[in-house]
Protein backbone atom coordinates (compact mmCIF):
# COMPACT_ATOMS: atom_id res chain seq x y z
CA MET A 1 -2.28 -33.48 35.58
CA LYS A 2 -0.66 -30.32 34.19
CA THR A 3 0.53 -32.27 31.16
CA LEU A 4 -2.98 -33.56 30.48
CA ALA A 5 -4.46 -30.06 30.75
CA ALA A 6 -1.80 -28.65 28.42
CA LEU A 7 -2.39 -31.46 25.92
CA ALA A 8 -6.15 -30.86 26.01
CA LEU A 9 -5.65 -27.13 25.48
CA MET A 10 -3.29 -27.71 22.53
CA THR A 11 -5.74 -30.19 20.96
CA LEU A 12 -8.61 -27.72 21.31
CA THR A 13 -6.50 -24.92 19.83
CA CYS A 14 -5.50 -27.06 16.84
CA PHE A 15 -9.09 -28.11 16.28
CA LEU A 16 -10.33 -24.52 16.31
CA PHE A 17 -7.53 -23.37 14.04
CA HIS A 18 -8.28 -26.03 11.43
CA SER A 19 -12.05 -25.63 11.46
CA SER A 20 -13.59 -23.54 8.69
CA GLU A 21 -14.79 -20.91 11.14
CA GLY A 22 -11.23 -20.39 12.31
CA GLN A 23 -10.10 -19.74 8.76
CA VAL A 24 -12.92 -17.25 8.21
CA GLY A 25 -11.88 -15.47 11.39
CA ILE A 26 -8.32 -15.15 10.14
CA GLU A 27 -9.55 -13.80 6.77
CA VAL A 28 -11.74 -11.20 8.47
CA TRP A 29 -8.77 -10.12 10.59
CA ARG A 30 -6.58 -9.82 7.48
CA GLN A 31 -9.17 -7.68 5.68
CA GLU A 32 -9.46 -5.32 8.67
CA MET A 33 -5.82 -4.40 8.08
CA CYS A 34 -6.65 -3.22 4.53
CA CYS A 35 -7.88 0.17 3.32
CA ASN A 36 -11.08 0.41 1.30
CA SER A 37 -10.48 3.98 0.13
CA TYR A 38 -8.10 6.89 0.56
CA ASN A 39 -8.72 9.55 3.19
CA LYS A 40 -8.36 13.15 2.00
CA ALA A 41 -8.04 14.74 5.45
CA ARG A 42 -4.72 16.39 6.22
CA VAL A 43 -2.78 14.95 9.14
CA PRO A 44 -0.26 17.22 10.88
CA VAL A 45 3.19 15.62 10.99
CA THR A 46 3.43 16.39 14.70
CA LYS A 47 0.35 14.21 15.39
CA ILE A 48 1.69 11.11 13.60
CA LYS A 49 2.64 8.17 15.79
CA GLN A 50 3.31 5.61 13.05
CA MET A 51 3.33 5.26 9.28
CA ARG A 52 3.27 1.88 7.54
CA ARG A 53 2.39 0.34 4.22
CA SER A 54 -0.82 -1.60 3.81
CA PRO A 55 -0.13 -5.37 3.67
CA GLY A 56 0.65 -6.97 0.30
CA HIS A 57 -2.59 -8.98 0.19
CA CYS A 58 -4.72 -5.80 0.15
CA LYS A 59 -6.35 -4.63 -3.08
CA LEU A 60 -5.57 -0.96 -2.44
CA GLU A 61 -1.96 0.06 -1.89
CA ALA A 62 -1.87 2.74 0.79
CA ILE A 63 0.19 4.32 3.51
CA VAL A 64 -1.62 3.81 6.82
CA ILE A 65 -1.03 6.69 9.21
CA THR A 66 -1.77 6.20 12.90
CA THR A 67 -2.08 9.35 14.99
CA VAL A 68 -1.23 9.82 18.67
CA THR A 69 -4.97 9.39 19.40
CA ASN A 70 -4.93 6.02 17.52
CA ARG A 71 -6.99 7.25 14.57
CA LYS A 72 -6.04 5.58 11.30
CA PHE A 73 -5.89 7.34 7.94
CA CYS A 74 -5.33 5.61 4.60
CA LYS A 75 -3.40 7.86 2.26
CA ASN A 76 -2.51 7.56 -1.41
CA PRO A 77 1.24 6.81 -1.51
CA CYS A 78 1.62 8.68 -4.80
CA LEU A 79 0.56 12.05 -3.39
CA THR A 80 3.30 14.62 -2.90
CA GLU A 81 1.89 15.35 0.57
CA VAL A 82 2.45 11.74 1.64
CA LYS A 83 5.96 11.61 0.20
CA THR A 84 6.80 14.83 2.05
CA MET A 85 5.51 13.34 5.32
CA LEU A 86 7.69 10.28 4.81
CA GLU A 87 10.73 12.46 4.12
CA LYS A 88 10.08 14.61 7.22
CA ARG A 89 9.81 11.51 9.39
CA LYS A 90 12.95 10.08 7.75
CA GLN A 91 11.19 6.90 6.63
CA THR A 92 13.20 6.41 3.47
CA ALA A 93 12.64 2.63 3.47
CA LEU A 94 8.89 3.20 3.02
CA LEU A 95 9.55 5.97 0.52
CA ASN A 96 11.71 3.67 -1.62
CA GLN A 97 8.95 0.99 -1.73
CA ILE A 98 6.39 3.31 -3.32
CA LYS A 99 5.82 2.69 -7.01
CA CYS A 100 3.86 5.44 -8.73
């Protein structure tokens, strides 16, 4: 009985994944990870929880800063301010990936 239920669940999951609506859902999720524009607000280094690069499929290359209150800021990676933040947080791997 458990095997039949697991098989039915896997079949349903595969069907939903391969349907066109499933693909649209994945695309919408991918676009939510992208930045549409740069944010000019200053973010104090002490309030930063995480800094990451926007994914490669995005049209706008940005550094996405997440604060301790989970607010997200998209910053221009070529700005001196952003490079300084990366240096202060010792994120040299991200710093080396920036091409300005």
